């Protein structure tokens, strides 16, 4: 288990960098991998891939 210590200006600047990446529009052929450190696997609301 981890926790955030003191929220410093450096932490906030890094967090804003991450949010800027998430706010960028999707680009075809460029993969954006996002993950959460939460130690569980979510299995509800599974989507089936479109059969093209």
N, C-alpha and C. Protein backbone atom coordinates (compact mmCIF):
# COMPACT_ATOMS: atom_id res chain seq x y z
N UNK A 1 0.85 -1.18 0.00
CA UNK A 1 0.00 0.00 0.00
C UNK A 1 0.89 1.23 0.00
N UNK A 2 0.49 2.22 -0.72
CA UNK A 2 1.25 3.46 -0.78
C UNK A 2 0.35 4.62 -0.40
N UNK A 3 0.95 5.72 -0.10
CA UNK A 3 0.17 6.92 0.19
C UNK A 3 0.96 8.13 -0.27
N UNK A 4 0.27 9.21 -0.48
CA UNK A 4 0.91 10.45 -0.88
C UNK A 4 1.35 11.16 0.39
N UNK A 5 2.60 11.53 0.43
CA UNK A 5 3.12 12.27 1.59
C UNK A 5 2.66 13.72 1.51
N UNK A 6 3.59 14.61 1.64
CA UNK A 6 3.30 16.03 1.57
C UNK A 6 3.08 16.44 0.12
N UNK A 7 2.00 17.16 -0.13
CA UNK A 7 1.72 17.66 -1.47
C UNK A 7 2.55 18.93 -1.67
N UNK A 8 3.60 18.79 -2.45
CA UNK A 8 4.52 19.91 -2.70
C UNK A 8 4.24 20.52 -4.06
N UNK A 9 4.89 21.60 -4.35
CA UNK A 9 4.74 22.22 -5.67
C UNK A 9 5.29 21.30 -6.76
N UNK A 10 6.33 20.53 -6.46
CA UNK A 10 6.87 19.57 -7.43
C UNK A 10 5.84 18.48 -7.73
N UNK A 11 5.19 17.96 -6.69
CA UNK A 11 4.14 16.95 -6.89
C UNK A 11 3.02 17.51 -7.76
N UNK A 12 2.55 18.72 -7.46
CA UNK A 12 1.46 19.32 -8.22
C UNK A 12 1.86 19.55 -9.68
N UNK A 13 3.09 19.97 -9.91
CA UNK A 13 3.56 20.18 -11.29
C UNK A 13 3.58 18.87 -12.05
N UNK A 14 4.05 17.80 -11.42
CA UNK A 14 4.07 16.49 -12.07
C UNK A 14 2.66 16.00 -12.35
N UNK A 15 1.76 16.22 -11.42
CA UNK A 15 0.36 15.80 -11.60
C UNK A 15 -0.28 16.57 -12.76
N UNK A 16 0.03 17.84 -12.87
CA UNK A 16 -0.50 18.63 -13.99
C UNK A 16 0.04 18.13 -15.32
N UNK A 17 1.29 17.68 -15.35
CA UNK A 17 1.86 17.09 -16.57
C UNK A 17 1.06 15.85 -16.98
N UNK A 18 0.72 15.02 -16.02
CA UNK A 18 -0.06 13.81 -16.30
C UNK A 18 -1.43 14.19 -16.84
N UNK A 19 -2.08 15.16 -16.21
CA UNK A 19 -3.41 15.58 -16.66
C UNK A 19 -3.35 16.19 -18.05
N UNK A 20 -2.26 16.88 -18.39
CA UNK A 20 -2.10 17.42 -19.74
C UNK A 20 -2.05 16.29 -20.78
N UNK A 21 -1.37 15.20 -20.45
CA UNK A 21 -1.31 14.05 -21.36
C UNK A 21 -2.71 13.49 -21.57
N UNK A 22 -3.48 13.32 -20.50
CA UNK A 22 -4.83 12.79 -20.61
C UNK A 22 -5.73 13.70 -21.43
N UNK A 23 -5.49 15.00 -21.42
CA UNK A 23 -6.34 15.96 -22.11
C UNK A 23 -6.03 16.06 -23.60
N UNK A 24 -4.92 15.49 -24.05
CA UNK A 24 -4.57 15.56 -25.47
C UNK A 24 -5.54 14.73 -26.29
N UNK A 25 -5.85 15.19 -27.51
CA UNK A 25 -6.74 14.41 -28.36
C UNK A 25 -6.08 13.10 -28.79
N UNK A 26 -6.91 12.11 -29.06
CA UNK A 26 -6.40 10.81 -29.51
C UNK A 26 -5.79 10.97 -30.90
N UNK A 27 -4.69 10.26 -31.12
CA UNK A 27 -4.00 10.29 -32.41
C UNK A 27 -3.96 8.86 -32.94
N UNK A 28 -4.43 8.69 -34.17
CA UNK A 28 -4.43 7.36 -34.79
C UNK A 28 -3.01 6.81 -34.85
N UNK A 29 -2.83 5.57 -34.42
CA UNK A 29 -1.53 4.92 -34.47
C UNK A 29 -0.64 5.20 -33.28
N UNK A 30 -1.11 6.04 -32.35
CA UNK A 30 -0.32 6.34 -31.15
C UNK A 30 -1.05 5.77 -29.95
N UNK A 31 -0.37 4.90 -29.22
CA UNK A 31 -0.97 4.24 -28.07
C UNK A 31 -0.74 5.07 -26.83
N UNK A 32 -1.79 5.25 -26.06
CA UNK A 32 -1.67 5.93 -24.76
C UNK A 32 -2.09 4.90 -23.71
N UNK A 33 -1.16 4.51 -22.89
CA UNK A 33 -1.43 3.50 -21.88
C UNK A 33 -1.62 4.18 -20.53
N UNK A 34 -2.79 3.96 -19.93
CA UNK A 34 -3.09 4.52 -18.63
C UNK A 34 -3.36 3.37 -17.67
N UNK A 35 -2.94 3.50 -16.46
CA UNK A 35 -3.19 2.44 -15.49
C UNK A 35 -3.44 3.02 -14.12
N UNK A 36 -4.03 2.20 -13.31
CA UNK A 36 -4.32 2.58 -11.94
C UNK A 36 -3.62 1.55 -11.06
N UNK A 37 -3.06 1.97 -9.97
CA UNK A 37 -2.33 1.06 -9.10
C UNK A 37 -3.24 0.25 -8.19
N UNK A 38 -4.54 0.41 -8.32
CA UNK A 38 -5.45 -0.29 -7.43
C UNK A 38 -5.31 -1.81 -7.61
N UNK A 39 -5.12 -2.55 -6.54
CA UNK A 39 -4.83 -3.98 -6.65
C UNK A 39 -6.08 -4.85 -6.81
N UNK A 40 -6.87 -4.58 -7.83
CA UNK A 40 -8.02 -5.44 -8.09
C UNK A 40 -8.29 -5.45 -9.58
N UNK A 41 -8.96 -6.49 -10.04
CA UNK A 41 -9.31 -6.61 -11.44
C UNK A 41 -10.80 -6.35 -11.58
N UNK A 42 -11.16 -5.40 -12.43
CA UNK A 42 -12.56 -5.06 -12.63
C UNK A 42 -13.13 -5.92 -13.76
N UNK A 43 -14.19 -6.64 -13.47
CA UNK A 43 -14.74 -7.57 -14.46
C UNK A 43 -16.16 -7.22 -14.90
N UNK A 44 -16.82 -6.27 -14.25
CA UNK A 44 -18.16 -5.88 -14.65
C UNK A 44 -18.11 -5.01 -15.90
N UNK A 45 -19.22 -4.95 -16.59
CA UNK A 45 -19.37 -4.09 -17.76
C UNK A 45 -18.31 -4.37 -18.82
N UNK A 46 -18.10 -5.64 -19.12
CA UNK A 46 -17.13 -6.03 -20.12
C UNK A 46 -17.73 -5.77 -21.51
N UNK A 47 -16.96 -5.16 -22.37
CA UNK A 47 -17.41 -4.90 -23.73
C UNK A 47 -16.85 -5.95 -24.68
N UNK A 48 -17.69 -6.40 -25.59
CA UNK A 48 -17.20 -7.32 -26.61
C UNK A 48 -16.68 -6.52 -27.78
N UNK A 49 -15.55 -6.91 -28.34
CA UNK A 49 -15.00 -6.16 -29.46
C UNK A 49 -15.95 -6.23 -30.66
N UNK A 50 -15.99 -5.16 -31.43
CA UNK A 50 -16.79 -5.17 -32.66
C UNK A 50 -16.19 -6.15 -33.64
N UNK A 51 -17.03 -6.94 -34.26
CA UNK A 51 -16.53 -7.87 -35.27
C UNK A 51 -16.55 -7.14 -36.60
N UNK A 52 -15.37 -6.76 -37.06
CA UNK A 52 -15.27 -5.98 -38.30
C UNK A 52 -14.91 -6.86 -39.47
